[in-house]
Structure formats: C-alpha cells, structure tokens
Amino acid sequence: MMARKKSLAEQAAEYSALAMALPVSTFIGWLLGHLLDKAFGTTYLSIAGLLLGIVAGFVEFLRQVTRDSRNKDD
C-alpha cells in the first residue's frame, strides 16, 4: 500500500512538534528530578532527570528521522 505524500503544512506541523520535543522533554526531566531532590533531600536527581529528558528528546528525534527516511524510500 502506498502512502500519500504529505502536504507542506503537514510536514511543517510535524517538524515544529519535533522542535518542541527536545526542550520540553529536557525541562520535564529536570523538573521531575528537582522535585525528587526536594522530596529526598538529595542534589543529584535533577541532573539525572535532565540527562534522561535529553535522551528521551533525542530518541523521539531519531524515531521521526527514521520514519521520514523510510517513507522517502517507498
């Protein structure tokens, strides 16, 4: 089954959402780590949450790039 070609507006919407994925996931990871730091009286969980958020953002970025490259090959 052939996939239909996406319009320019659809592509722009996908990539603008992707552009927000990395900073939002980074912020959420840091925020959760910060809240856990306050709850447990530690100082390193915000850094761990920050790194986890960055990884989550890059994973989503790589998924989208892989999906787009696979669709162009069809």
N, C-alpha and C. Protein backbone atom coordinates (compact mmCIF):
# COMPACT_ATOMS: atom_id res chain seq x y z
N MET A 1 0.84 -1.17 0.00
CA MET A 1 0.00 0.00 0.00
C MET A 1 0.89 1.24 0.00
N MET A 2 0.61 2.15 -0.89
CA MET A 2 1.43 3.36 -1.00
C MET A 2 0.91 4.43 -0.06
N ALA A 3 1.83 5.08 0.59
CA ALA A 3 1.46 6.19 1.48
C ALA A 3 1.31 7.45 0.64
N ARG A 4 0.37 8.27 1.00
CA ARG A 4 0.20 9.51 0.25
C ARG A 4 1.27 10.51 0.66
N LYS A 5 1.58 11.39 -0.26
CA LYS A 5 2.59 12.39 0.02
C LYS A 5 2.00 13.45 0.96
N LYS A 6 2.77 13.84 1.97
CA LYS A 6 2.30 14.82 2.95
C LYS A 6 2.39 16.22 2.38
N SER A 7 1.41 17.02 2.73
CA SER A 7 1.44 18.41 2.28
C SER A 7 2.49 19.19 3.06
N LEU A 8 2.79 20.37 2.58
CA LEU A 8 3.78 21.21 3.23
C LEU A 8 3.33 21.59 4.64
N ALA A 9 2.04 21.83 4.82
CA ALA A 9 1.51 22.17 6.14
C ALA A 9 1.65 21.00 7.11
N GLU A 10 1.41 19.79 6.63
CA GLU A 10 1.56 18.61 7.49
C GLU A 10 3.01 18.40 7.89
N GLN A 11 3.92 18.59 6.94
CA GLN A 11 5.34 18.45 7.26
C GLN A 11 5.79 19.52 8.24
N ALA A 12 5.32 20.74 8.06
CA ALA A 12 5.68 21.83 8.97
C ALA A 12 5.16 21.56 10.37
N ALA A 13 3.95 21.02 10.47
CA ALA A 13 3.39 20.70 11.78
C ALA A 13 4.19 19.61 12.47
N GLU A 14 4.58 18.59 11.73
CA GLU A 14 5.37 17.51 12.33
C GLU A 14 6.72 18.01 12.82
N TYR A 15 7.39 18.83 12.01
CA TYR A 15 8.72 19.29 12.41
C TYR A 15 8.67 20.36 13.48
N SER A 16 7.61 21.14 13.54
CA SER A 16 7.51 22.10 14.65
C SER A 16 7.23 21.37 15.96
N ALA A 17 6.46 20.30 15.91
CA ALA A 17 6.26 19.48 17.11
C ALA A 17 7.55 18.81 17.52
N LEU A 18 8.32 18.37 16.55
CA LEU A 18 9.61 17.76 16.82
C LEU A 18 10.58 18.77 17.43
N ALA A 19 10.51 20.00 16.97
CA ALA A 19 11.39 21.05 17.51
C ALA A 19 11.07 21.34 18.97
N MET A 20 9.86 21.09 19.38
CA MET A 20 9.47 21.31 20.78
C MET A 20 9.74 20.09 21.65
N ALA A 21 9.90 18.92 21.05
CA ALA A 21 10.06 17.68 21.82
C ALA A 21 11.32 17.71 22.68
N LEU A 22 12.43 18.16 22.14
CA LEU A 22 13.68 18.14 22.90
C LEU A 22 13.66 19.10 24.08
N PRO A 23 13.31 20.37 23.91
CA PRO A 23 13.31 21.25 25.09
C PRO A 23 12.25 20.88 26.12
N VAL A 24 11.09 20.43 25.68
CA VAL A 24 10.03 20.07 26.62
C VAL A 24 10.41 18.83 27.42
N SER A 25 10.94 17.82 26.74
CA SER A 25 11.33 16.61 27.46
C SER A 25 12.49 16.89 28.40
N THR A 26 13.40 17.76 28.01
CA THR A 26 14.52 18.14 28.88
C THR A 26 14.00 18.85 30.13
N PHE A 27 13.08 19.78 29.94
CA PHE A 27 12.53 20.52 31.08
C PHE A 27 11.76 19.59 32.01
N ILE A 28 10.95 18.71 31.45
CA ILE A 28 10.17 17.80 32.29
C ILE A 28 11.08 16.86 33.08
N GLY A 29 12.14 16.37 32.43
CA GLY A 29 13.09 15.52 33.14
C GLY A 29 13.76 16.26 34.28
N TRP A 30 14.18 17.49 34.02
CA TRP A 30 14.81 18.28 35.08
C TRP A 30 13.82 18.56 36.20
N LEU A 31 12.58 18.93 35.85
CA LEU A 31 11.58 19.25 36.85
C LEU A 31 11.28 18.06 37.76
N LEU A 32 11.11 16.89 37.17
CA LEU A 32 10.86 15.70 37.98
C LEU A 32 12.06 15.39 38.88
N GLY A 33 13.26 15.53 38.34
CA GLY A 33 14.45 15.31 39.16
C GLY A 33 14.55 16.32 40.29
N HIS A 34 14.22 17.57 39.99
CA HIS A 34 14.25 18.62 41.01
C HIS A 34 13.24 18.33 42.13
N LEU A 35 12.05 17.92 41.75
CA LEU A 35 11.03 17.59 42.75
C LEU A 35 11.47 16.40 43.60
N LEU A 36 12.08 15.41 42.97
CA LEU A 36 12.59 14.27 43.74
C LEU A 36 13.74 14.68 44.65
N ASP A 37 14.59 15.60 44.19
CA ASP A 37 15.66 16.12 45.04
C ASP A 37 15.09 16.77 46.30
N LYS A 38 14.05 17.58 46.13
CA LYS A 38 13.43 18.23 47.29
C LYS A 38 12.78 17.20 48.22
N ALA A 39 12.16 16.18 47.64
CA ALA A 39 11.47 15.19 48.46
C ALA A 39 12.45 14.33 49.25
N PHE A 40 13.58 13.99 48.65
CA PHE A 40 14.54 13.08 49.29
C PHE A 40 15.75 13.79 49.89
N GLY A 41 15.86 15.09 49.69
CA GLY A 41 16.99 15.83 50.24
C GLY A 41 18.31 15.54 49.55
N THR A 42 18.25 15.22 48.26
CA THR A 42 19.47 14.93 47.50
C THR A 42 19.79 16.11 46.59
N THR A 43 20.90 16.00 45.87
CA THR A 43 21.27 17.07 44.94
C THR A 43 21.57 16.58 43.54
N TYR A 44 21.53 15.30 43.30
CA TYR A 44 21.95 14.76 42.00
C TYR A 44 20.80 14.30 41.11
N LEU A 45 19.60 14.18 41.64
CA LEU A 45 18.50 13.65 40.85
C LEU A 45 18.04 14.62 39.77
N SER A 46 18.23 15.92 39.98
CA SER A 46 17.86 16.88 38.93
C SER A 46 18.78 16.72 37.73
N ILE A 47 20.05 16.43 37.96
CA ILE A 47 20.99 16.19 36.86
C ILE A 47 20.62 14.89 36.14
N ALA A 48 20.29 13.86 36.90
CA ALA A 48 19.89 12.58 36.29
C ALA A 48 18.60 12.76 35.47
N GLY A 49 17.66 13.50 36.00
CA GLY A 49 16.42 13.78 35.27
C GLY A 49 16.67 14.59 34.02
N LEU A 50 17.57 15.56 34.11
CA LEU A 50 17.95 16.37 32.96
C LEU A 50 18.52 15.49 31.85
N LEU A 51 19.45 14.62 32.21
CA LEU A 51 20.05 13.73 31.22
C LEU A 51 19.03 12.77 30.63
N LEU A 52 18.15 12.25 31.47
CA LEU A 52 17.11 11.35 30.99
C LEU A 52 16.16 12.08 30.02
N GLY A 53 15.83 13.32 30.32
CA GLY A 53 14.98 14.11 29.43
C GLY A 53 15.65 14.38 28.09
N ILE A 54 16.95 14.67 28.12
CA ILE A 54 17.69 14.89 26.88
C ILE A 54 17.69 13.63 26.02
N VAL A 55 17.93 12.49 26.66
CA VAL A 55 17.93 11.22 25.93
C VAL A 55 16.56 10.95 25.33
N ALA A 56 15.51 11.20 26.09
CA ALA A 56 14.14 10.98 25.59
C ALA A 56 13.85 11.87 24.38
N GLY A 57 14.30 13.12 24.43
CA GLY A 57 14.11 14.02 23.29
C GLY A 57 14.84 13.54 22.05
N PHE A 58 16.09 13.09 22.21
CA PHE A 58 16.85 12.59 21.07
C PHE A 58 16.27 11.30 20.51
N VAL A 59 15.74 10.45 21.37
CA VAL A 59 15.11 9.22 20.89
C VAL A 59 13.90 9.57 20.01
N GLU A 60 13.10 10.52 20.43
CA GLU A 60 11.95 10.93 19.62
C GLU A 60 12.41 11.54 18.30
N PHE A 61 13.48 12.33 18.34
CA PHE A 61 14.04 12.91 17.13
C PHE A 61 14.49 11.82 16.16
N LEU A 62 15.21 10.82 16.67
CA LEU A 62 15.69 9.74 15.81
C LEU A 62 14.54 8.90 15.26
N ARG A 63 13.50 8.69 16.03
CA ARG A 63 12.32 7.97 15.54
C ARG A 63 11.69 8.70 14.36
N GLN A 64 11.56 10.01 14.49
CA GLN A 64 10.95 10.80 13.41
C GLN A 64 11.82 10.79 12.16
N VAL A 65 13.12 10.94 12.32
CA VAL A 65 14.02 10.93 11.17
C VAL A 65 13.99 9.57 10.49
N THR A 66 13.99 8.50 11.27
CA THR A 66 13.92 7.16 10.71
C THR A 66 12.61 6.95 9.96
N ARG A 67 11.52 7.40 10.54
CA ARG A 67 10.21 7.27 9.91
C ARG A 67 10.17 8.04 8.60
N ASP A 68 10.72 9.25 8.58
CA ASP A 68 10.72 10.06 7.36
C ASP A 68 11.61 9.46 6.28
N SER A 69 12.77 8.96 6.67
CA SER A 69 13.66 8.37 5.67
C SER A 69 13.07 7.08 5.11
N ARG A 70 12.37 6.33 5.93
CA ARG A 70 11.72 5.11 5.46
C ARG A 70 10.60 5.45 4.48
N ASN A 71 9.85 6.52 4.73
CA ASN A 71 8.76 6.93 3.85
C ASN A 71 9.29 7.45 2.51
N LYS A 72 10.45 8.08 2.51
CA LYS A 72 11.01 8.58 1.25
C LYS A 72 11.53 7.46 0.37
N ASP A 73 11.93 6.34 0.99
CA ASP A 73 12.44 5.21 0.22
C ASP A 73 11.32 4.46 -0.50
N ASP A 74 10.09 4.56 0.00
CA ASP A 74 8.96 3.84 -0.61
C ASP A 74 8.57 4.41 -1.94
